[in-house]
Amino acid sequence: MTRIEREKTVIGQMIAIYCRKHHNCAGGQLCNDCAELLAYANNRLDRCPKGNDKSNCRKCEIHCYSPANRDKIRAVMRYVGPRMIFHHPLSAIRHIINEMK
């Protein structure tokens, strides 16, 4: 699995957790706002100029997200980040290791 594919999986996991807790979505279905945010994030990852050699988006000097979507994704990550270890421990551990590099 490439880094871009891994990041798409993780962002999908994070948005699903956020949507379930904040928008009362159940059964793995995302609300329209969260589905649009996920589609936007996947589109940005597909078009990343650095490709699979990219660093974490937070450390990148290129800002691919529009300011409004950047705020939305920040809110998702701020809420879900500390909870990822309980929902998706392997993804969380992999992220911590990548942050240390």
PDB file of N, CA and C in Angstrom:
ATOM      1  N   MET A   1       0.852  -1.179   0.000  1.00  0.00           N
ATOM      2  CA  MET A   1       0.000   0.000   0.000  1.00  0.00           C
ATOM      3  C   MET A   1       0.898   1.243   0.000  1.00  0.00           C
ATOM      4  N   THR A   2       0.598   2.180  -0.877  1.00  0.00           N
ATOM      5  CA  THR A   2       1.405   3.398  -0.958  1.00  0.00           C
ATOM      6  C   THR A   2       1.040   4.349   0.181  1.00  0.00           C
ATOM      7  N   ARG A   3       1.876   5.334   0.388  1.00  0.00           N
ATOM      8  CA  ARG A   3       1.630   6.309   1.454  1.00  0.00           C
ATOM      9  C   ARG A   3       0.318   7.066   1.221  1.00  0.00           C
ATOM     10  N   ILE A   4       0.047   7.433  -0.025  1.00  0.00           N
ATOM     11  CA  ILE A   4      -1.191   8.151  -0.344  1.00  0.00           C
ATOM     12  C   ILE A   4      -2.400   7.275  -0.019  1.00  0.00           C
ATOM     13  N   GLU A   5      -2.360   6.015  -0.396  1.00  0.00           N
ATOM     14  CA  GLU A   5      -3.471   5.100  -0.090  1.00  0.00           C
ATOM     15  C   GLU A   5      -3.657   4.956   1.415  1.00  0.00           C
ATOM     16  N   ARG A   6      -2.552   4.857   2.156  1.00  0.00           N
ATOM     17  CA  ARG A   6      -2.614   4.761   3.617  1.00  0.00           C
ATOM     18  C   ARG A   6      -3.238   6.007   4.218  1.00  0.00           C
ATOM     19  N   GLU A   7      -2.847   7.167   3.717  1.00  0.00           N
ATOM     20  CA  GLU A   7      -3.396   8.420   4.236  1.00  0.00           C
ATOM     21  C   GLU A   7      -4.882   8.548   3.915  1.00  0.00           C
ATOM     22  N   LYS A   8      -5.302   8.069   2.760  1.00  0.00           N
ATOM     23  CA  LYS A   8      -6.724   8.081   2.420  1.00  0.00           C
ATOM     24  C   LYS A   8      -7.504   7.198   3.392  1.00  0.00           C
ATOM     25  N   THR A   9      -6.941   6.045   3.713  1.00  0.00           N
ATOM     26  CA  THR A   9      -7.598   5.145   4.661  1.00  0.00           C
ATOM     27  C   THR A   9      -7.721   5.801   6.027  1.00  0.00           C
ATOM     28  N   VAL A  10      -6.643   6.405   6.494  1.00  0.00           N
ATOM     29  CA  VAL A  10      -6.640   7.019   7.824  1.00  0.00           C
ATOM     30  C   VAL A  10      -7.607   8.201   7.876  1.00  0.00           C
ATOM     31  N   ILE A  11      -7.603   9.053   6.868  1.00  0.00           N
ATOM     32  CA  ILE A  11      -8.501  10.205   6.901  1.00  0.00           C
ATOM     33  C   ILE A  11      -9.956   9.738   6.837  1.00  0.00           C
ATOM     34  N   GLY A  12     -10.214   8.658   6.110  1.00  0.00           N
ATOM     35  CA  GLY A  12     -11.555   8.083   6.085  1.00  0.00           C
ATOM     36  C   GLY A  12     -11.973   7.566   7.454  1.00  0.00           C
ATOM     37  N   GLN A  13     -11.045   6.905   8.142  1.00  0.00           N
ATOM     38  CA  GLN A  13     -11.316   6.416   9.493  1.00  0.00           C
ATOM     39  C   GLN A  13     -11.601   7.576  10.435  1.00  0.00           C
ATOM     40  N   MET A  14     -10.799   8.625  10.326  1.00  0.00           N
ATOM     41  CA  MET A  14     -10.951   9.768  11.226  1.00  0.00           C
ATOM     42  C   MET A  14     -12.282  10.489  10.991  1.00  0.00           C
ATOM     43  N   ILE A  15     -12.630  10.716   9.743  1.00  0.00           N
ATOM     44  CA  ILE A  15     -13.877  11.410   9.441  1.00  0.00           C
ATOM     45  C   ILE A  15     -15.068  10.559   9.876  1.00  0.00           C
ATOM     46  N   ALA A  16     -14.979   9.241   9.737  1.00  0.00           N
ATOM     47  CA  ALA A  16     -16.067   8.363  10.168  1.00  0.00           C
ATOM     48  C   ALA A  16     -16.287   8.460  11.678  1.00  0.00           C
ATOM     49  N   ILE A  17     -15.214   8.473  12.449  1.00  0.00           N
ATOM     50  CA  ILE A  17     -15.323   8.599  13.908  1.00  0.00           C
ATOM     51  C   ILE A  17     -15.933   9.946  14.265  1.00  0.00           C
ATOM     52  N   TYR A  18     -15.432  10.998  13.650  1.00  0.00           N
ATOM     53  CA  TYR A  18     -15.928  12.347  13.916  1.00  0.00           C
ATOM     54  C   TYR A  18     -17.421  12.454  13.587  1.00  0.00           C
ATOM     55  N   CYS A  19     -17.814  11.933  12.433  1.00  0.00           N
ATOM     56  CA  CYS A  19     -19.206  12.019  11.991  1.00  0.00           C
ATOM     57  C   CYS A  19     -20.114  11.240  12.941  1.00  0.00           C
ATOM     58  N   ARG A  20     -19.659  10.066  13.349  1.00  0.00           N
ATOM     59  CA  ARG A  20     -20.457   9.239  14.252  1.00  0.00           C
ATOM     60  C   ARG A  20     -20.694   9.948  15.585  1.00  0.00           C
ATOM     61  N   LYS A  21     -19.683  10.648  16.092  1.00  0.00           N
ATOM     62  CA  LYS A  21     -19.790  11.297  17.397  1.00  0.00           C
ATOM     63  C   LYS A  21     -20.453  12.678  17.344  1.00  0.00           C
ATOM     64  N   HIS A  22     -20.259  13.411  16.267  1.00  0.00           N
ATOM     65  CA  HIS A  22     -20.771  14.780  16.195  1.00  0.00           C
ATOM     66  C   HIS A  22     -22.080  14.928  15.416  1.00  0.00           C
ATOM     67  N   HIS A  23     -22.314  14.025  14.478  1.00  0.00           N
ATOM     68  CA  HIS A  23     -23.502  14.156  13.639  1.00  0.00           C
ATOM     69  C   HIS A  23     -24.450  12.971  13.793  1.00  0.00           C
ATOM     70  N   ASN A  24     -24.185  12.131  14.787  1.00  0.00           N
ATOM     71  CA  ASN A  24     -25.036  10.974  15.101  1.00  0.00           C
ATOM     72  C   ASN A  24     -25.265  10.066  13.906  1.00  0.00           C
ATOM     73  N   CYS A  25     -24.256   9.891  13.080  1.00  0.00           N
ATOM     74  CA  CYS A  25     -24.365   9.002  11.930  1.00  0.00           C
ATOM     75  C   CYS A  25     -24.020   7.590  12.379  1.00  0.00           C
ATOM     76  N   ALA A  26     -24.790   6.638  11.955  1.00  0.00           N
ATOM     77  CA  ALA A  26     -24.576   5.251  12.369  1.00  0.00           C
ATOM     78  C   ALA A  26     -24.484   4.355  11.138  1.00  0.00           C
ATOM     79  N   GLY A  27     -24.055   3.149  11.367  1.00  0.00           N
ATOM     80  CA  GLY A  27     -24.004   2.172  10.291  1.00  0.00           C
ATOM     81  C   GLY A  27     -22.926   2.442   9.263  1.00  0.00           C
ATOM     82  N   GLY A  28     -21.920   3.194   9.620  1.00  0.00           N
ATOM     83  CA  GLY A  28     -20.839   3.480   8.688  1.00  0.00           C
ATOM     84  C   GLY A  28     -21.174   4.499   7.621  1.00  0.00           C
ATOM     85  N   GLN A  29     -22.356   5.089   7.689  1.00  0.00           N
ATOM     86  CA  GLN A  29     -22.757   6.100   6.712  1.00  0.00           C
ATOM     87  C   GLN A  29     -22.306   7.480   7.183  1.00  0.00           C
ATOM     88  N   LEU A  30     -21.782   8.265   6.264  1.00  0.00           N
ATOM     89  CA  LEU A  30     -21.380   9.630   6.577  1.00  0.00           C
ATOM     90  C   LEU A  30     -22.504  10.588   6.197  1.00  0.00           C
ATOM     91  N   CYS A  31     -22.632  11.669   6.948  1.00  0.00           N
ATOM     92  CA  CYS A  31     -23.572  12.719   6.556  1.00  0.00           C
ATOM     93  C   CYS A  31     -23.019  13.399   5.306  1.00  0.00           C
ATOM     94  N   ASN A  32     -23.813  14.231   4.683  1.00  0.00           N
ATOM     95  CA  ASN A  32     -23.389  14.885   3.440  1.00  0.00           C
ATOM     96  C   ASN A  32     -22.148  15.749   3.635  1.00  0.00           C
ATOM     97  N   ASP A  33     -22.086  16.507   4.740  1.00  0.00           N
ATOM     98  CA  ASP A  33     -20.931  17.375   4.990  1.00  0.00           C
ATOM     99  C   ASP A  33     -19.646  16.563   5.131  1.00  0.00           C
ATOM    100  N   CYS A  34     -19.728  15.484   5.893  1.00  0.00           N
ATOM    101  CA  CYS A  34     -18.531  14.662   6.108  1.00  0.00           C
ATOM    102  C   CYS A  34     -18.143  13.905   4.838  1.00  0.00           C
ATOM    103  N   ALA A  35     -19.131  13.458   4.068  1.00  0.00           N
ATOM    104  CA  ALA A  35     -18.844  12.782   2.800  1.00  0.00           C
ATOM    105  C   ALA A  35     -18.152  13.747   1.834  1.00  0.00           C
ATOM    106  N   GLU A  36     -18.603  14.998   1.809  1.00  0.00           N
ATOM    107  CA  GLU A  36     -17.962  16.002   0.951  1.00  0.00           C
ATOM    108  C   GLU A  36     -16.534  16.290   1.417  1.00  0.00           C
ATOM    109  N   LEU A  37     -16.331  16.366   2.728  1.00  0.00           N
ATOM    110  CA  LEU A  37     -14.990  16.610   3.259  1.00  0.00           C
ATOM    111  C   LEU A  37     -14.060  15.450   2.909  1.00  0.00           C
ATOM    112  N   LEU A  38     -14.541  14.226   3.023  1.00  0.00           N
ATOM    113  CA  LEU A  38     -13.729  13.064   2.671  1.00  0.00           C
ATOM    114  C   LEU A  38     -13.391  13.071   1.185  1.00  0.00           C
ATOM    115  N   ALA A  39     -14.355  13.367   0.343  1.00  0.00           N
ATOM    116  CA  ALA A  39     -14.097  13.432  -1.102  1.00  0.00           C
ATOM    117  C   ALA A  39     -13.070  14.518  -1.414  1.00  0.00           C
ATOM    118  N   TYR A  40     -13.197  15.656  -0.735  1.00  0.00           N
ATOM    119  CA  TYR A  40     -12.249  16.760  -0.931  1.00  0.00           C
ATOM    120  C   TYR A  40     -10.843  16.333  -0.500  1.00  0.00           C
ATOM    121  N   ALA A  41     -10.742  15.702   0.664  1.00  0.00           N
ATOM    122  CA  ALA A  41      -9.434  15.267   1.166  1.00  0.00           C
ATOM    123  C   ALA A  41      -8.808  14.237   0.231  1.00  0.00           C
ATOM    124  N   ASN A  42      -9.599  13.289  -0.251  1.00  0.00           N
ATOM    125  CA  ASN A  42      -9.074  12.285  -1.184  1.00  0.00           C
ATOM    126  C   ASN A  42      -8.623  12.929  -2.491  1.00  0.00           C
ATOM    127  N   ASN A  43      -9.368  13.918  -2.967  1.00  0.00           N
ATOM    128  CA  ASN A  43      -8.998  14.639  -4.179  1.00  0.00           C
ATOM    129  C   ASN A  43      -7.665  15.369  -3.979  1.00  0.00           C
ATOM    130  N   ARG A  44      -7.507  16.008  -2.836  1.00  0.00           N
ATOM    131  CA  ARG A  44      -6.263  16.717  -2.540  1.00  0.00           C
ATOM    132  C   ARG A  44      -5.100  15.739  -2.455  1.00  0.00           C
ATOM    133  N   LEU A  45      -5.312  14.572  -1.851  1.00  0.00           N
ATOM    134  CA  LEU A  45      -4.251  13.574  -1.769  1.00  0.00           C
ATOM    135  C   LEU A  45      -3.882  13.048  -3.155  1.00  0.00           C
ATOM    136  N   ASP A  46      -4.878  12.851  -4.020  1.00  0.00           N
ATOM    137  CA  ASP A  46      -4.607  12.396  -5.385  1.00  0.00           C
ATOM    138  C   ASP A  46      -3.767  13.405  -6.149  1.00  0.00           C
ATOM    139  N   ARG A  47      -3.954  14.681  -5.856  1.00  0.00           N
ATOM    140  CA  ARG A  47      -3.263  15.745  -6.588  1.00  0.00           C
ATOM    141  C   ARG A  47      -2.029  16.273  -5.858  1.00  0.00           C
ATOM    142  N   CYS A  48      -1.623  15.607  -4.799  1.00  0.00           N
ATOM    143  CA  CYS A  48      -0.465  16.077  -4.021  1.00  0.00           C
ATOM    144  C   CYS A  48       0.769  16.132  -4.916  1.00  0.00           C
ATOM    145  N   PRO A  49       1.401  17.314  -5.006  1.00  0.00           N
ATOM    146  CA  PRO A  49       2.571  17.444  -5.876  1.00  0.00           C
ATOM    147  C   PRO A  49       3.765  16.612  -5.414  1.00  0.00           C
ATOM    148  N   LYS A  50       3.804  16.256  -4.160  1.00  0.00           N
ATOM    149  CA  LYS A  50       4.925  15.468  -3.637  1.00  0.00           C
ATOM    150  C   LYS A  50       4.705  13.968  -3.759  1.00  0.00           C
ATOM    151  N   GLY A  51       3.487  13.572  -4.051  1.00  0.00           N
ATOM    152  CA  GLY A  51       3.186  12.152  -4.242  1.00  0.00           C
ATOM    153  C   GLY A  51       3.493  11.329  -3.006  1.00  0.00           C
ATOM    154  N   ASN A  52       4.032  10.137  -3.220  1.00  0.00           N
ATOM    155  CA  ASN A  52       4.322   9.231  -2.112  1.00  0.00           C
ATOM    156  C   ASN A  52       5.555   9.631  -1.307  1.00  0.00           C
ATOM    157  N   ASP A  53       6.267  10.648  -1.753  1.00  0.00           N
ATOM    158  CA  ASP A  53       7.440  11.133  -1.014  1.00  0.00           C
ATOM    159  C   ASP A  53       7.074  12.240  -0.037  1.00  0.00           C
ATOM    160  N   LYS A  54       5.796  12.491   0.129  1.00  0.00           N
ATOM    161  CA  LYS A  54       5.338  13.606   0.958  1.00  0.00           C
ATOM    162  C   LYS A  54       5.589  13.366   2.433  1.00  0.00           C
ATOM    163  N   SER A  55       5.666  14.473   3.149  1.00  0.00           N
ATOM    164  CA  SER A  55       5.717  14.420   4.603  1.00  0.00           C
ATOM    165  C   SER A  55       4.277  14.499   5.103  1.00  0.00           C
ATOM    166  N   ASN A  56       4.096  14.631   6.398  1.00  0.00           N
ATOM    167  CA  ASN A  56       2.749  14.853   6.912  1.00  0.00           C
ATOM    168  C   ASN A  56       2.264  16.205   6.421  1.00  0.00           C
ATOM    169  N   CYS A  57       0.983  16.311   6.157  1.00  0.00           N
ATOM    170  CA  CYS A  57       0.421  17.555   5.619  1.00  0.00           C
ATOM    171  C   CYS A  57       0.682  18.738   6.552  1.00  0.00           C
ATOM    172  N   ARG A  58       0.678  18.481   7.843  1.00  0.00           N
ATOM    173  CA  ARG A  58       0.897  19.554   8.810  1.00  0.00           C
ATOM    174  C   ARG A  58       2.289  20.181   8.642  1.00  0.00           C
ATOM    175  N   LYS A  59       3.264  19.390   8.238  1.00  0.00           N
ATOM    176  CA  LYS A  59       4.636  19.878   8.090  1.00  0.00           C
ATOM    177  C   LYS A  59       4.937  20.405   6.687  1.00  0.00           C
ATOM    178  N   CYS A  60       4.021  20.232   5.779  1.00  0.00           N
ATOM    179  CA  CYS A  60       4.257  20.592   4.382  1.00  0.00           C
ATOM    180  C   CYS A  60       4.227  22.105   4.182  1.00  0.00           C
ATOM    181  N   GLU A  61       5.083  22.578   3.301  1.00  0.00           N
ATOM    182  CA  GLU A  61       5.117  24.013   2.998  1.00  0.00           C
ATOM    183  C   GLU A  61       4.080  24.394   1.939  1.00  0.00           C
ATOM    184  N   ILE A  62       3.493  23.409   1.267  1.00  0.00           N
ATOM    185  CA  ILE A  62       2.447  23.642   0.279  1.00  0.00           C
ATOM    186  C   ILE A  62       1.109  23.402   0.969  1.00  0.00           C
ATOM    187  N   HIS A  63       0.215  24.383   0.927  1.00  0.00           N
ATOM    188  CA  HIS A  63      -1.103  24.216   1.541  1.00  0.00           C
ATOM    189  C   HIS A  63      -2.113  23.879   0.451  1.00  0.00           C
ATOM    190  N   CYS A  64      -2.475  22.607   0.367  1.00  0.00           N
ATOM    191  CA  CYS A  64      -3.384  22.131  -0.677  1.00  0.00           C
ATOM    192  C   CYS A  64      -4.844  22.420  -0.358  1.00  0.00           C
ATOM    193  N   TYR A  65      -5.173  22.541   0.919  1.00  0.00           N
ATOM    194  CA  TYR A  65      -6.562  22.706   1.337  1.00  0.00           C
ATOM    195  C   TYR A  65      -6.954  24.185   1.309  1.00  0.00           C
ATOM    196  N   SER A  66      -8.203  24.441   0.944  1.00  0.00           N
ATOM    197  CA  SER A  66      -8.727  25.798   1.044  1.00  0.00           C
ATOM    198  C   SER A  66      -8.844  26.133   2.532  1.00  0.00           C
ATOM    199  N   PRO A  67      -8.808  27.406   2.893  1.00  0.00           N
ATOM    200  CA  PRO A  67      -8.880  27.768   4.324  1.00  0.00           C
ATOM    201  C   PRO A  67     -10.090  27.184   5.054  1.00  0.00           C
ATOM    202  N   ALA A  68     -11.251  27.173   4.420  1.00  0.00           N
ATOM    203  CA  ALA A  68     -12.454  26.639   5.077  1.00  0.00           C
ATOM    204  C   ALA A  68     -12.318  25.138   5.331  1.00  0.00           C
ATOM    205  N   ASN A  69     -11.836  24.416   4.328  1.00  0.00           N
ATOM    206  CA  ASN A  69     -11.669  22.975   4.496  1.00  0.00           C
ATOM    207  C   ASN A  69     -10.512  22.649   5.421  1.00  0.00           C
ATOM    208  N   ARG A  70      -9.511  23.494   5.453  1.00  0.00           N
ATOM    209  CA  ARG A  70      -8.397  23.297   6.390  1.00  0.00           C
ATOM    210  C   ARG A  70      -8.908  23.382   7.826  1.00  0.00           C
ATOM    211  N   ASP A  71      -9.804  24.324   8.095  1.00  0.00           N
ATOM    212  CA  ASP A  71     -10.383  24.445   9.436  1.00  0.00           C
ATOM    213  C   ASP A  71     -11.238  23.224   9.782  1.00  0.00           C
ATOM    214  N   LYS A  72     -11.982  22.724   8.805  1.00  0.00           N
ATOM    215  CA  LYS A  72     -12.816  21.539   9.050  1.00  0.00           C
ATOM    216  C   LYS A  72     -11.958  20.323   9.363  1.00  0.00           C
ATOM    217  N   ILE A  73     -10.921  20.115   8.571  1.00  0.00           N
ATOM    218  CA  ILE A  73     -10.083  18.936   8.774  1.00  0.00           C
ATOM    219  C   ILE A  73      -9.299  19.058  10.078  1.00  0.00           C
ATOM    220  N   ARG A  74      -8.922  20.268  10.433  1.00  0.00           N
ATOM    221  CA  ARG A  74      -8.256  20.496  11.721  1.00  0.00           C
ATOM    222  C   ARG A  74      -9.168  20.123  12.884  1.00  0.00           C
ATOM    223  N   ALA A  75     -10.442  20.493  12.778  1.00  0.00           N
ATOM    224  CA  ALA A  75     -11.411  20.159  13.832  1.00  0.00           C
ATOM    225  C   ALA A  75     -11.564  18.641  13.949  1.00  0.00           C
ATOM    226  N   VAL A  76     -11.619  17.957  12.813  1.00  0.00           N
ATOM    227  CA  VAL A  76     -11.717  16.489  12.829  1.00  0.00           C
ATOM    228  C   VAL A  76     -10.489  15.897  13.504  1.00  0.00           C
ATOM    229  N   MET A  77      -9.321  16.332  13.092  1.00  0.00           N
ATOM    230  CA  MET A  77      -8.080  15.770  13.639  1.00  0.00           C
ATOM    231  C   MET A  77      -7.890  16.113  15.110  1.00  0.00           C
ATOM    232  N   ARG A  78      -8.294  17.294  15.490  1.00  0.00           N
ATOM    233  CA  ARG A  78      -8.169  17.703  16.895  1.00  0.00           C
ATOM    234  C   ARG A  78      -9.036  16.816  17.784  1.00  0.00           C
ATOM    235  N   TYR A  79     -10.221  16.479  17.306  1.00  0.00           N
ATOM    236  CA  TYR A  79     -11.116  15.640  18.096  1.00  0.00           C
ATOM    237  C   TYR A  79     -10.679  14.165  18.058  1.00  0.00           C
ATOM    238  N   VAL A  80     -10.413  13.660  16.855  1.00  0.00           N
ATOM    239  CA  VAL A  80     -10.184  12.227  16.685  1.00  0.00           C
ATOM    240  C   VAL A  80      -8.755  11.815  17.039  1.00  0.00           C
ATOM    241  N   GLY A  81      -7.786  12.689  16.837  1.00  0.00           N
ATOM    242  CA  GLY A  81      -6.388  12.331  17.061  1.00  0.00           C
ATOM    243  C   GLY A  81      -6.132  11.582  18.361  1.00  0.00           C
ATOM    244  N   PRO A  82      -6.514  12.135  19.509  1.00  0.00           N
ATOM    245  CA  PRO A  82      -6.265  11.432  20.772  1.00  0.00           C
ATOM    246  C   PRO A  82      -7.070  10.141  20.926  1.00  0.00           C
ATOM    247  N   ARG A  83      -8.118   9.970  20.146  1.00  0.00           N
ATOM    248  CA  ARG A  83      -8.982   8.791  20.265  1.00  0.00           C
ATOM    249  C   ARG A  83      -8.615   7.681  19.281  1.00  0.00           C
ATOM    250  N   MET A  84      -7.755   7.980  18.326  1.00  0.00           N
ATOM    251  CA  MET A  84      -7.397   6.993  17.299  1.00  0.00           C
ATOM    252  C   MET A  84      -6.793   5.730  17.902  1.00  0.00           C
ATOM    253  N   ILE A  85      -6.030   5.860  18.956  1.00  0.00           N
ATOM    254  CA  ILE A  85      -5.374   4.698  19.563  1.00  0.00           C
ATOM    255  C   ILE A  85      -6.404   3.668  20.028  1.00  0.00           C
ATOM    256  N   PHE A  86      -7.608   4.105  20.373  1.00  0.00           N
ATOM    257  CA  PHE A  86      -8.660   3.198  20.828  1.00  0.00           C
ATOM    258  C   PHE A  86      -9.472   2.611  19.677  1.00  0.00           C
ATOM    259  N   HIS A  87      -9.612   3.365  18.599  1.00  0.00           N
ATOM    260  CA  HIS A  87     -10.424   2.923  17.467  1.00  0.00           C
ATOM    261  C   HIS A  87      -9.603   2.182  16.407  1.00  0.00           C
ATOM    262  N   HIS A  88      -8.449   2.712  16.090  1.00  0.00           N
ATOM    263  CA  HIS A  88      -7.578   2.143  15.054  1.00  0.00           C
ATOM    264  C   HIS A  88      -6.129   2.209  15.537  1.00  0.00           C
ATOM    265  N   PRO A  89      -5.745   1.315  16.452  1.00  0.00           N
ATOM    266  CA  PRO A  89      -4.420   1.411  17.068  1.00  0.00           C
ATOM    267  C   PRO A  89      -3.255   1.314  16.087  1.00  0.00           C
ATOM    268  N   LEU A  90      -3.342   0.464  15.070  1.00  0.00           N
ATOM    269  CA  LEU A  90      -2.229   0.342  14.123  1.00  0.00           C
ATOM    270  C   LEU A  90      -2.014   1.633  13.343  1.00  0.00           C
ATOM    271  N   SER A  91      -3.095   2.246  12.919  1.00  0.00           N
ATOM    272  CA  SER A  91      -2.992   3.522  12.197  1.00  0.00           C
ATOM    273  C   SER A  91      -2.386   4.594  13.099  1.00  0.00           C
ATOM    274  N   ALA A  92      -2.801   4.612  14.352  1.00  0.00           N
ATOM    275  CA  ALA A  92      -2.292   5.613  15.292  1.00  0.00           C
ATOM    276  C   ALA A  92      -0.804   5.414  15.553  1.00  0.00           C
ATOM    277  N   ILE A  93      -0.382   4.178  15.747  1.00  0.00           N
ATOM    278  CA  ILE A  93       1.033   3.893  16.014  1.00  0.00           C
ATOM    279  C   ILE A  93       1.877   4.228  14.795  1.00  0.00           C
ATOM    280  N   ARG A  94       1.388   3.866  13.607  1.00  0.00           N
ATOM    281  CA  ARG A  94       2.124   4.199  12.381  1.00  0.00           C
ATOM    282  C   ARG A  94       2.287   5.714  12.235  1.00  0.00           C
ATOM    283  N   HIS A  95       1.247   6.474  12.582  1.00  0.00           N
ATOM    284  CA  HIS A  95       1.302   7.921  12.499  1.00  0.00           C
ATOM    285  C   HIS A  95       2.337   8.477  13.479  1.00  0.00           C
ATOM    286  N   ILE A  96       2.348   7.971  14.687  1.00  0.00           N
ATOM    287  CA  ILE A  96       3.324   8.432  15.690  1.00  0.00           C
ATOM    288  C   ILE A  96       4.745   8.160  15.221  1.00  0.00           C
ATOM    289  N   ILE A  97       4.975   6.994  14.647  1.00  0.00           N
ATOM    290  CA  ILE A  97       6.316   6.659  14.140  1.00  0.00           C
ATOM    291  C   ILE A  97       6.705   7.597  13.006  1.00  0.00           C
ATOM    292  N   ASN A  98       5.769   7.894  12.100  1.00  0.00           N
ATOM    293  CA  ASN A  98       6.064   8.812  10.993  1.00  0.00           C
ATOM    294  C   ASN A  98       6.336  10.217  11.497  1.00  0.00           C
ATOM    295  N   GLU A  99       5.673  10.637  12.566  1.00  0.00           N
ATOM    296  CA  GLU A  99       5.899  11.968  13.144  1.00  0.00           C
ATOM    297  C   GLU A  99       7.324  12.092  13.714  1.00  0.00           C
ATOM    298  N   MET A 100       7.855  10.984  14.221  1.00  0.00           N
ATOM    299  CA  MET A 100       9.192  11.001  14.808  1.00  0.00           C
ATOM    300  C   MET A 100      10.289  11.096  13.757  1.00  0.00           C
ATOM    301  N   LYS A 101       9.998  10.652  12.535  1.00  0.00           N
ATOM    302  CA  LYS A 101      11.009  10.660  11.479  1.00  0.00           C
ATOM    303  C   LYS A 101      11.351  12.055  11.042  1.00  0.00           C
TER     304      LYS A 101
END
